Protein backbone atom coordinates (compact mmCIF):
# COMPACT_ATOMS: atom_id res chain seq x y z
CA MET A 1 -5.71 118.25 114.70
CA PRO A 2 -6.33 117.81 118.53
CA THR A 3 -9.04 119.65 120.15
CA ILE A 4 -8.65 121.97 123.24
CA ASN A 5 -11.07 121.03 126.04
CA LEU A 6 -11.65 124.52 127.39
CA ALA A 7 -14.04 123.33 130.20
CA TYR A 8 -11.46 121.10 131.57
CA ILE A 9 -8.76 123.92 131.41
CA ALA A 10 -11.12 126.13 133.08
CA GLU A 11 -11.84 123.63 135.82
CA LEU A 12 -8.11 123.26 136.40
CA VAL A 13 -7.53 126.88 136.78
CA PHE A 14 -10.32 127.17 139.00
CA LYS A 15 -9.14 124.33 141.09
CA TYR A 16 -5.52 125.73 141.37
CA ALA A 17 -6.83 129.21 142.13
CA ARG A 18 -8.87 127.79 144.99
CA MET A 19 -5.72 125.98 146.41
CA ALA A 20 -3.72 129.27 145.97
CA ALA A 21 -6.26 131.28 147.74
CA TYR A 22 -6.45 128.71 150.53
CA ALA A 23 -2.71 128.54 150.89
CA PHE A 24 -2.79 132.47 151.07
CA PHE A 25 -5.57 132.45 153.73
CA LEU A 26 -3.70 129.81 155.84
CA SER A 27 -0.44 131.64 155.61
CA SER A 28 -2.04 134.99 156.54
CA PHE A 29 -3.73 133.22 159.55
CA TRP A 30 -0.44 131.81 160.82
CA LEU A 31 1.24 135.01 160.36
CA ALA A 32 -1.45 136.83 162.31
CA VAL A 33 -1.32 134.10 165.07
CA PHE A 34 2.45 134.37 165.29
CA THR A 35 2.26 138.17 165.51
CA MET A 36 -0.43 137.83 168.14
CA TRP A 37 1.88 135.50 170.25
CA SER A 38 4.75 137.78 169.79
CA SER A 39 2.68 140.75 171.09
CA PHE A 40 1.35 138.78 174.11
CA VAL A 41 4.80 137.59 174.95
CA THR A 42 6.30 141.10 174.65
CA ALA A 43 3.48 142.48 176.79
CA PHE A 44 4.00 139.89 179.45
CA LEU A 45 7.78 140.42 179.56
CA PHE A 46 7.27 144.13 179.84
CA PHE A 47 4.92 143.93 182.63
CA TYR A 48 7.13 141.13 184.39
CA ASP A 49 10.07 143.63 184.10
CA LYS A 50 8.00 146.46 185.59
CA VAL A 51 6.83 144.42 188.52
CA ASN A 52 10.42 143.15 189.24
CA VAL A 53 11.71 146.79 189.06
CA LEU A 54 9.05 147.72 191.53
CA LEU A 55 9.80 144.93 193.93
CA ASN A 56 13.58 145.29 193.61
CA SER A 57 13.13 148.95 194.65
CA SER A 58 10.91 147.76 197.69
CA SER A 59 13.63 145.38 198.85
CA GLY A 60 16.27 148.15 198.93
CA ALA A 61 18.26 147.10 195.62
CA GLY A 62 16.99 150.36 193.95
CA VAL A 63 16.78 153.94 195.00
CA ALA A 64 13.42 155.47 196.10
CA HIS A 65 13.04 159.04 194.77
CA SER A 66 10.62 160.15 197.53
CA ASP A 67 10.14 159.90 201.20
CA TYR A 68 6.67 158.62 200.88
CA ILE A 69 7.75 155.76 198.53
CA SER A 70 10.71 155.07 200.69
CA MET A 71 8.30 154.74 203.71
CA MET A 72 6.01 152.55 201.79
CA PHE A 73 8.69 150.14 200.80
CA GLY A 74 10.00 150.33 204.34
CA VAL A 75 6.54 149.38 205.55
CA LEU A 76 6.32 146.52 203.00
CA ASN A 77 9.64 145.16 204.08
CA CYS A 78 8.79 145.43 207.63
CA ILE A 79 5.61 143.34 207.27
CA GLY A 80 7.41 140.74 205.43
CA PHE A 81 5.88 141.32 202.01
CA THR A 82 9.26 141.35 200.20
CA ALA A 83 10.61 138.30 201.62
CA ALA A 84 7.43 136.53 201.04
CA TYR A 85 7.40 137.62 197.38
CA ASN A 86 11.06 136.48 197.03
CA GLU A 87 10.27 133.09 198.28
CA THR A 88 7.17 132.53 196.25
CA LYS A 89 8.42 134.32 193.19
CA PRO A 90 8.59 130.89 191.22
CA VAL A 91 5.06 130.14 191.98
CA PHE A 92 3.85 133.40 190.72
CA ILE A 93 5.98 133.22 187.35
CA SER A 94 4.70 129.64 186.83
CA ALA A 95 1.02 130.79 187.37
CA ILE A 96 1.42 133.90 185.23
CA THR A 97 3.02 131.75 182.52
CA PHE A 98 0.33 129.18 182.59
CA LEU A 99 -2.31 131.87 182.28
CA LEU A 100 -0.36 133.28 179.26
CA ALA A 101 -0.18 129.93 177.56
CA ARG A 102 -3.89 129.42 178.16
CA ILE A 103 -4.82 132.78 176.79
CA LEU A 104 -2.74 132.18 173.61
CA PHE A 105 -4.23 128.57 173.34
CA SER A 106 -7.76 129.91 173.60
CA VAL A 107 -7.21 132.81 171.07
CA THR A 108 -5.52 130.58 168.78
CA LEU A 109 -8.25 128.08 168.74
CA LYS A 110 -10.94 130.77 168.37
CA SER A 111 -9.01 132.46 165.49
CA TYR A 112 -8.35 129.09 163.86
CA ASN A 113 -12.12 128.41 163.98
CA TYR A 114 -13.02 131.68 162.49
CA VAL A 115 -10.42 131.08 159.55
CA ILE A 116 -11.65 127.60 158.91
CA ASN A 117 -15.29 128.68 158.67
CA SER A 118 -14.40 131.63 156.49
CA ILE A 119 -12.46 129.49 153.91
CA LYS A 120 -14.79 126.57 153.89
CA PRO A 121 -16.42 127.85 150.54
CA LEU A 122 -13.01 127.74 149.03
CA VAL A 123 -12.41 124.25 150.00
CA SER A 124 -15.69 122.54 149.02
């Protein structure tokens, strides 16, 4: 009659349980990173949209709802701010996009380091 090696079975169960926990932590980490990236990009697009609405209003494309706002936009247009912004808009967009990418990269590396340090006991 064959004998069952309970120590070996327990070792295999523990090994696969550690691998499952490791996979769970990594999948939850990447889900958190993806969610973080999505929120940063959404906030960036929201901010960019609001700045565009403001500057389109200043250039006369929109309707100002107050005399003071209309005068402020007129002064900005008079001193050439609106034309300068429209000419340098690609530079601003690329700079803000680079800044967003740098923030995402930095936060991803830090969170990856935290996750790797927290799951080291499971791997070793």
